[in-house]
């Protein structure tokens, strides 16, 4: 695996409560986003949600790669005053919101949003400039 510095377009870190990456729209973005999320959550001592957050981010980044062109943003936020919650956002330049569908047993795709809905505390989507942001919350034990 290459260095994150070579595969990530940009990183913004604000007071340890928010970190944001922008990845190019290429297949390596999924692996790089997953690794960046795990690394940051381990750094924040949130190992308890690192694997789940990385899995859900990789599902959303994969969806972005399949349906949109342009850079993909990933943001992790530990909101002050909201208790033990991790907020995760994935943004892309396609304005159409994702659609949940029922995957058949033999389907190789189509389960990402079902996984997101079943694994997160809550999730949603919102317009973001010319694109959209899909977000989800994970409860952090403690």
C-alpha atoms as a PDB file:
ATOM      1  CA  UNK A   1       0.000   0.000   0.000  1.00  0.00           C
ATOM      2  CA  UNK A   2       1.284   3.461  -0.847  1.00  0.00           C
ATOM      3  CA  UNK A   3       1.694   6.266   1.596  1.00  0.00           C
ATOM      4  CA  UNK A   4      -1.478   8.135   2.464  1.00  0.00           C
ATOM      5  CA  UNK A   5       0.289  11.379   1.592  1.00  0.00           C
ATOM      6  CA  UNK A   6       0.445  10.264  -2.057  1.00  0.00           C
ATOM      7  CA  UNK A   7      -3.114   8.981  -2.314  1.00  0.00           C
ATOM      8  CA  UNK A   8      -5.040  11.629  -0.396  1.00  0.00           C
ATOM      9  CA  UNK A   9      -5.780  14.946  -2.086  1.00  0.00           C
ATOM     10  CA  UNK A  10      -6.065  16.925   1.157  1.00  0.00           C
ATOM     11  CA  UNK A  11      -6.438  16.614   4.930  1.00  0.00           C
ATOM     12  CA  UNK A  12      -7.853  19.139   7.375  1.00  0.00           C
ATOM     13  CA  UNK A  13      -7.500  18.647  11.136  1.00  0.00           C
ATOM     14  CA  UNK A  14      -9.320  20.972  13.526  1.00  0.00           C
ATOM     15  CA  UNK A  15      -8.623  20.812  17.289  1.00  0.00           C
ATOM     16  CA  UNK A  16      -8.672  17.006  17.396  1.00  0.00           C
ATOM     17  CA  UNK A  17     -12.503  16.961  17.204  1.00  0.00           C
ATOM     18  CA  UNK A  18     -12.782  16.848  13.424  1.00  0.00           C
ATOM     19  CA  UNK A  19     -10.664  15.412  10.659  1.00  0.00           C
ATOM     20  CA  UNK A  20     -11.475  15.529   6.970  1.00  0.00           C
ATOM     21  CA  UNK A  21      -9.931  13.911   3.904  1.00  0.00           C
ATOM     22  CA  UNK A  22     -10.555  14.354   0.197  1.00  0.00           C
ATOM     23  CA  UNK A  23      -9.786  11.331  -1.969  1.00  0.00           C
ATOM     24  CA  UNK A  24      -9.523  11.100  -5.746  1.00  0.00           C
ATOM     25  CA  UNK A  25     -12.273   9.150  -7.494  1.00  0.00           C
ATOM     26  CA  UNK A  26     -10.281   6.001  -8.168  1.00  0.00           C
ATOM     27  CA  UNK A  27     -10.580   2.446  -6.819  1.00  0.00           C
ATOM     28  CA  UNK A  28      -7.648   2.879  -4.415  1.00  0.00           C
ATOM     29  CA  UNK A  29      -9.707   5.479  -2.523  1.00  0.00           C
ATOM     30  CA  UNK A  30     -11.721   2.747  -0.787  1.00  0.00           C
ATOM     31  CA  UNK A  31      -8.687   1.092   0.792  1.00  0.00           C
ATOM     32  CA  UNK A  32      -7.060   4.433   1.608  1.00  0.00           C
ATOM     33  CA  UNK A  33     -10.226   5.850   3.214  1.00  0.00           C
ATOM     34  CA  UNK A  34     -10.682   2.706   5.304  1.00  0.00           C
ATOM     35  CA  UNK A  35      -7.066   2.891   6.534  1.00  0.00           C
ATOM     36  CA  UNK A  36      -7.305   6.624   7.288  1.00  0.00           C
ATOM     37  CA  UNK A  37     -10.497   6.146   9.323  1.00  0.00           C
ATOM     38  CA  UNK A  38      -9.023   3.275  11.330  1.00  0.00           C
ATOM     39  CA  UNK A  39      -5.802   5.187  11.990  1.00  0.00           C
ATOM     40  CA  UNK A  40      -7.647   8.314  13.172  1.00  0.00           C
ATOM     41  CA  UNK A  41     -10.061   6.417  15.412  1.00  0.00           C
ATOM     42  CA  UNK A  42      -7.194   4.484  16.998  1.00  0.00           C
ATOM     43  CA  UNK A  43      -5.517   7.855  17.588  1.00  0.00           C
ATOM     44  CA  UNK A  44      -8.678   9.101  19.303  1.00  0.00           C
ATOM     45  CA  UNK A  45      -8.815   5.888  21.427  1.00  0.00           C
ATOM     46  CA  UNK A  46     -12.050   4.888  19.703  1.00  0.00           C
ATOM     47  CA  UNK A  47     -10.900   1.369  18.845  1.00  0.00           C
ATOM     48  CA  UNK A  48     -14.351   0.102  19.816  1.00  0.00           C
ATOM     49  CA  UNK A  49     -15.920   1.614  16.667  1.00  0.00           C
ATOM     50  CA  UNK A  50     -12.911   1.733  14.329  1.00  0.00           C
ATOM     51  CA  UNK A  51     -13.653  -1.455  12.380  1.00  0.00           C
ATOM     52  CA  UNK A  52     -17.366  -0.721  11.986  1.00  0.00           C
ATOM     53  CA  UNK A  53     -16.743   2.889  10.960  1.00  0.00           C
ATOM     54  CA  UNK A  54     -14.108   1.766   8.429  1.00  0.00           C
ATOM     55  CA  UNK A  55     -16.483  -0.835   6.979  1.00  0.00           C
ATOM     56  CA  UNK A  56     -19.337   1.648   6.594  1.00  0.00           C
ATOM     57  CA  UNK A  57     -17.043   4.304   5.104  1.00  0.00           C
ATOM     58  CA  UNK A  58     -15.752   1.780   2.580  1.00  0.00           C
ATOM     59  CA  UNK A  59     -19.351   0.938   1.571  1.00  0.00           C
ATOM     60  CA  UNK A  60     -20.205   4.621   1.059  1.00  0.00           C
ATOM     61  CA  UNK A  61     -16.968   5.425  -0.779  1.00  0.00           C
ATOM     62  CA  UNK A  62     -17.609   2.421  -3.036  1.00  0.00           C
ATOM     63  CA  UNK A  63     -21.111   3.762  -3.769  1.00  0.00           C
ATOM     64  CA  UNK A  64     -19.608   7.161  -4.604  1.00  0.00           C
ATOM     65  CA  UNK A  65     -17.124   5.573  -6.977  1.00  0.00           C
ATOM     66  CA  UNK A  66     -19.872   3.626  -8.741  1.00  0.00           C
ATOM     67  CA  UNK A  67     -22.260   6.528  -9.223  1.00  0.00           C
ATOM     68  CA  UNK A  68     -20.301   9.794  -9.157  1.00  0.00           C
ATOM     69  CA  UNK A  69     -17.191  11.322 -10.635  1.00  0.00           C
ATOM     70  CA  UNK A  70     -14.926  13.756  -8.887  1.00  0.00           C
ATOM     71  CA  UNK A  71     -13.399  13.857  -5.432  1.00  0.00           C
ATOM     72  CA  UNK A  72     -14.878  12.039  -2.444  1.00  0.00           C
ATOM     73  CA  UNK A  73     -14.826  13.660   0.987  1.00  0.00           C
ATOM     74  CA  UNK A  74     -14.734  11.775   4.289  1.00  0.00           C
ATOM     75  CA  UNK A  75     -15.117  13.544   7.621  1.00  0.00           C
ATOM     76  CA  UNK A  76     -15.039  12.211  11.203  1.00  0.00           C
ATOM     77  CA  UNK A  77     -16.500  14.419  13.925  1.00  0.00           C
ATOM     78  CA  UNK A  78     -16.681  13.994  17.679  1.00  0.00           C
ATOM     79  CA  UNK A  79     -19.399  16.563  18.378  1.00  0.00           C
ATOM     80  CA  UNK A  80     -19.110  18.400  21.675  1.00  0.00           C
ATOM     81  CA  UNK A  81     -22.233  18.213  23.778  1.00  0.00           C
ATOM     82  CA  UNK A  82     -23.801  15.230  22.001  1.00  0.00           C
ATOM     83  CA  UNK A  83     -22.541  12.573  24.384  1.00  0.00           C
ATOM     84  CA  UNK A  84     -20.773   9.491  23.183  1.00  0.00           C
ATOM     85  CA  UNK A  85     -21.367   9.776  19.445  1.00  0.00           C
ATOM     86  CA  UNK A  86     -19.137   9.626  16.401  1.00  0.00           C
ATOM     87  CA  UNK A  87     -20.485  11.392  13.319  1.00  0.00           C
ATOM     88  CA  UNK A  88     -19.146  10.212   9.962  1.00  0.00           C
ATOM     89  CA  UNK A  89     -19.821  11.930   6.626  1.00  0.00           C
ATOM     90  CA  UNK A  90     -19.040  10.885   3.058  1.00  0.00           C
ATOM     91  CA  UNK A  91     -19.550  13.487   0.317  1.00  0.00           C
ATOM     92  CA  UNK A  92     -19.453  13.328  -3.457  1.00  0.00           C
ATOM     93  CA  UNK A  93     -20.415  15.603  -6.361  1.00  0.00           C
ATOM     94  CA  UNK A  94     -23.532  13.630  -7.402  1.00  0.00           C
ATOM     95  CA  UNK A  95     -26.678  15.385  -6.093  1.00  0.00           C
ATOM     96  CA  UNK A  96     -28.910  12.292  -6.255  1.00  0.00           C
ATOM     97  CA  UNK A  97     -29.453  10.714  -2.832  1.00  0.00           C
ATOM     98  CA  UNK A  98     -28.625   7.033  -2.463  1.00  0.00           C
ATOM     99  CA  UNK A  99     -31.510   4.598  -2.780  1.00  0.00           C
ATOM    100  CA  UNK A 100     -31.901   1.581  -0.562  1.00  0.00           C
ATOM    101  CA  UNK A 101     -32.748  -1.557  -2.457  1.00  0.00           C
ATOM    102  CA  UNK A 102     -33.429  -5.131  -1.517  1.00  0.00           C
ATOM    103  CA  UNK A 103     -30.528  -7.307  -2.611  1.00  0.00           C
ATOM    104  CA  UNK A 104     -31.293 -10.854  -3.676  1.00  0.00           C
ATOM    105  CA  UNK A 105     -29.216 -13.718  -2.223  1.00  0.00           C
ATOM    106  CA  UNK A 106     -27.125 -14.038  -5.400  1.00  0.00           C
ATOM    107  CA  UNK A 107     -26.488 -10.300  -5.831  1.00  0.00           C
ATOM    108  CA  UNK A 108     -22.890  -9.156  -5.436  1.00  0.00           C
ATOM    109  CA  UNK A 109     -23.865  -5.603  -4.498  1.00  0.00           C
ATOM    110  CA  UNK A 110     -26.765  -3.621  -3.097  1.00  0.00           C
ATOM    111  CA  UNK A 111     -26.364  -4.281   0.617  1.00  0.00           C
ATOM    112  CA  UNK A 112     -24.340  -1.213   1.625  1.00  0.00           C
ATOM    113  CA  UNK A 113     -27.241   0.981   2.710  1.00  0.00           C
ATOM    114  CA  UNK A 114     -28.922  -1.948   4.466  1.00  0.00           C
ATOM    115  CA  UNK A 115     -25.699  -2.516   6.371  1.00  0.00           C
ATOM    116  CA  UNK A 116     -25.504   1.193   7.159  1.00  0.00           C
ATOM    117  CA  UNK A 117     -29.115   1.326   8.400  1.00  0.00           C
ATOM    118  CA  UNK A 118     -28.703  -1.790  10.540  1.00  0.00           C
ATOM    119  CA  UNK A 119     -25.324  -0.874  12.048  1.00  0.00           C
ATOM    120  CA  UNK A 120     -25.571   2.842  12.763  1.00  0.00           C
ATOM    121  CA  UNK A 121     -27.526   4.686  15.418  1.00  0.00           C
ATOM    122  CA  UNK A 122     -29.082   6.773  12.657  1.00  0.00           C
ATOM    123  CA  UNK A 123     -28.158   7.933   9.169  1.00  0.00           C
ATOM    124  CA  UNK A 124     -29.300  10.276   6.465  1.00  0.00           C
ATOM    125  CA  UNK A 125     -28.373  12.356   3.466  1.00  0.00           C
ATOM    126  CA  UNK A 126     -28.357  16.071   2.709  1.00  0.00           C
ATOM    127  CA  UNK A 127     -27.612  18.278  -0.295  1.00  0.00           C
ATOM    128  CA  UNK A 128     -24.111  19.712  -0.190  1.00  0.00           C
ATOM    129  CA  UNK A 129     -23.334  22.367  -2.805  1.00  0.00           C
ATOM    130  CA  UNK A 130     -23.713  20.639  -6.154  1.00  0.00           C
ATOM    131  CA  UNK A 131     -23.465  17.183  -4.566  1.00  0.00           C
ATOM    132  CA  UNK A 132     -24.578  15.383  -1.437  1.00  0.00           C
ATOM    133  CA  UNK A 133     -23.355  14.138   1.911  1.00  0.00           C
ATOM    134  CA  UNK A 134     -24.364  10.802   3.383  1.00  0.00           C
ATOM    135  CA  UNK A 135     -23.845  10.756   7.143  1.00  0.00           C
ATOM    136  CA  UNK A 136     -24.204   8.281   9.968  1.00  0.00           C
ATOM    137  CA  UNK A 137     -23.793   8.216  13.718  1.00  0.00           C
ATOM    138  CA  UNK A 138     -22.191   5.480  15.763  1.00  0.00           C
ATOM    139  CA  UNK A 139     -22.703   5.181  19.496  1.00  0.00           C
ATOM    140  CA  UNK A 140     -19.405   5.182  21.355  1.00  0.00           C
ATOM    141  CA  UNK A 141     -19.511   3.111  24.557  1.00  0.00           C
ATOM    142  CA  UNK A 142     -18.447   4.947  27.635  1.00  0.00           C
END
